[in-house]
Amino acid sequence: MAELWKSLPSWVRNIVIPVLVLILAWNIIAFVFGVVGALLSILIKLLVVVGIAAAVVILVKKAARN
């Protein structure tokens, strides 16, 4: 691997490789934020559905008493 690295031209080692690493890191960070955002979105939607269901149950119980 060291021979391959040293055989690359200096412009590839100093410019191309760092740019590729930055692009890869950006894509990984975007993927992680996307997954976390999707999970949070699902969690919020689930909490809203549970809250609405709880409100419906409470209203039905109150209506059944009267």
C-alpha atoms as a PDB file:
ATOM      1  CA  MET A   1       0.000   0.000   0.000  1.00  0.00           C
ATOM      2  CA  ALA A   2       2.865   2.385   0.789  1.00  0.00           C
ATOM      3  CA  GLU A   3       4.347   1.724  -2.658  1.00  0.00           C
ATOM      4  CA  LEU A   4       1.019   2.546  -4.283  1.00  0.00           C
ATOM      5  CA  TRP A   5       0.719   5.756  -2.259  1.00  0.00           C
ATOM      6  CA  LYS A   6       4.247   6.862  -3.166  1.00  0.00           C
ATOM      7  CA  SER A   7       3.709   5.999  -6.828  1.00  0.00           C
ATOM      8  CA  LEU A   8       0.820   8.472  -7.085  1.00  0.00           C
ATOM      9  CA  PRO A   9       1.618  11.933  -8.420  1.00  0.00           C
ATOM     10  CA  SER A  10       1.860  14.621  -5.757  1.00  0.00           C
ATOM     11  CA  TRP A  11      -1.200  16.496  -7.079  1.00  0.00           C
ATOM     12  CA  VAL A  12      -3.284  13.340  -6.614  1.00  0.00           C
ATOM     13  CA  ARG A  13      -2.010  12.858  -3.064  1.00  0.00           C
ATOM     14  CA  ASN A  14      -2.427  16.527  -2.109  1.00  0.00           C
ATOM     15  CA  ILE A  15      -5.643  17.470  -3.931  1.00  0.00           C
ATOM     16  CA  VAL A  16      -7.662  14.554  -5.297  1.00  0.00           C
ATOM     17  CA  ILE A  17      -7.490  12.223  -2.284  1.00  0.00           C
ATOM     18  CA  PRO A  18      -8.435  14.913   0.307  1.00  0.00           C
ATOM     19  CA  VAL A  19     -11.359  16.047  -1.877  1.00  0.00           C
ATOM     20  CA  LEU A  20     -12.589  12.452  -2.201  1.00  0.00           C
ATOM     21  CA  VAL A  21     -12.261  11.985   1.569  1.00  0.00           C
ATOM     22  CA  LEU A  22     -14.248  15.185   2.213  1.00  0.00           C
ATOM     23  CA  ILE A  23     -16.994  14.097  -0.198  1.00  0.00           C
ATOM     24  CA  LEU A  24     -17.188  10.673   1.435  1.00  0.00           C
ATOM     25  CA  ALA A  25     -17.283  12.203   4.935  1.00  0.00           C
ATOM     26  CA  TRP A  26     -20.017  14.646   3.866  1.00  0.00           C
ATOM     27  CA  ASN A  27     -22.115  11.794   2.456  1.00  0.00           C
ATOM     28  CA  ILE A  28     -21.708   9.737   5.627  1.00  0.00           C
ATOM     29  CA  ILE A  29     -22.689  12.701   7.822  1.00  0.00           C
ATOM     30  CA  ALA A  30     -25.702  13.441   5.595  1.00  0.00           C
ATOM     31  CA  PHE A  31     -26.738   9.773   5.811  1.00  0.00           C
ATOM     32  CA  VAL A  32     -26.483   9.761   9.605  1.00  0.00           C
ATOM     33  CA  PHE A  33     -28.498  12.993   9.929  1.00  0.00           C
ATOM     34  CA  GLY A  34     -31.061  11.622   7.480  1.00  0.00           C
ATOM     35  CA  VAL A  35     -31.536   8.429   9.465  1.00  0.00           C
ATOM     36  CA  VAL A  36     -31.763  10.314  12.766  1.00  0.00           C
ATOM     37  CA  GLY A  37     -34.215  12.793  11.247  1.00  0.00           C
ATOM     38  CA  ALA A  38     -36.384  10.001   9.872  1.00  0.00           C
ATOM     39  CA  LEU A  39     -36.444   8.220  13.239  1.00  0.00           C
ATOM     40  CA  LEU A  40     -37.369  11.436  15.038  1.00  0.00           C
ATOM     41  CA  SER A  41     -40.102  12.102  12.493  1.00  0.00           C
ATOM     42  CA  ILE A  42     -41.557   8.626  13.015  1.00  0.00           C
ATOM     43  CA  LEU A  43     -41.372   9.078  16.795  1.00  0.00           C
ATOM     44  CA  ILE A  44     -43.184  12.433  16.662  1.00  0.00           C
ATOM     45  CA  LYS A  45     -45.900  11.013  14.403  1.00  0.00           C
ATOM     46  CA  LEU A  46     -46.312   8.054  16.750  1.00  0.00           C
ATOM     47  CA  LEU A  47     -46.655  10.372  19.766  1.00  0.00           C
ATOM     48  CA  VAL A  48     -49.288  12.436  17.934  1.00  0.00           C
ATOM     49  CA  VAL A  49     -51.278   9.303  17.067  1.00  0.00           C
ATOM     50  CA  VAL A  50     -51.072   8.054  20.674  1.00  0.00           C
ATOM     51  CA  GLY A  51     -52.159  11.473  21.964  1.00  0.00           C
ATOM     52  CA  ILE A  52     -55.144  11.575  19.621  1.00  0.00           C
ATOM     53  CA  ALA A  53     -56.089   8.014  20.574  1.00  0.00           C
ATOM     54  CA  ALA A  54     -55.895   8.889  24.276  1.00  0.00           C
ATOM     55  CA  ALA A  55     -58.099  11.941  23.725  1.00  0.00           C
ATOM     56  CA  VAL A  56     -60.648   9.814  21.849  1.00  0.00           C
ATOM     57  CA  VAL A  57     -60.701   7.203  24.621  1.00  0.00           C
ATOM     58  CA  ILE A  58     -61.227   9.889  27.264  1.00  0.00           C
ATOM     59  CA  LEU A  59     -64.043  11.510  25.264  1.00  0.00           C
ATOM     60  CA  VAL A  60     -65.739   8.151  24.638  1.00  0.00           C
ATOM     61  CA  LYS A  61     -65.600   7.296  28.361  1.00  0.00           C
ATOM     62  CA  LYS A  62     -67.085  10.697  29.250  1.00  0.00           C
ATOM     63  CA  ALA A  63     -69.839  10.233  26.658  1.00  0.00           C
ATOM     64  CA  ALA A  64     -70.595   6.740  27.943  1.00  0.00           C
ATOM     65  CA  ARG A  65     -71.124   8.066  31.501  1.00  0.00           C
ATOM     66  CA  ASN A  66     -73.720  10.563  30.322  1.00  0.00           C
END
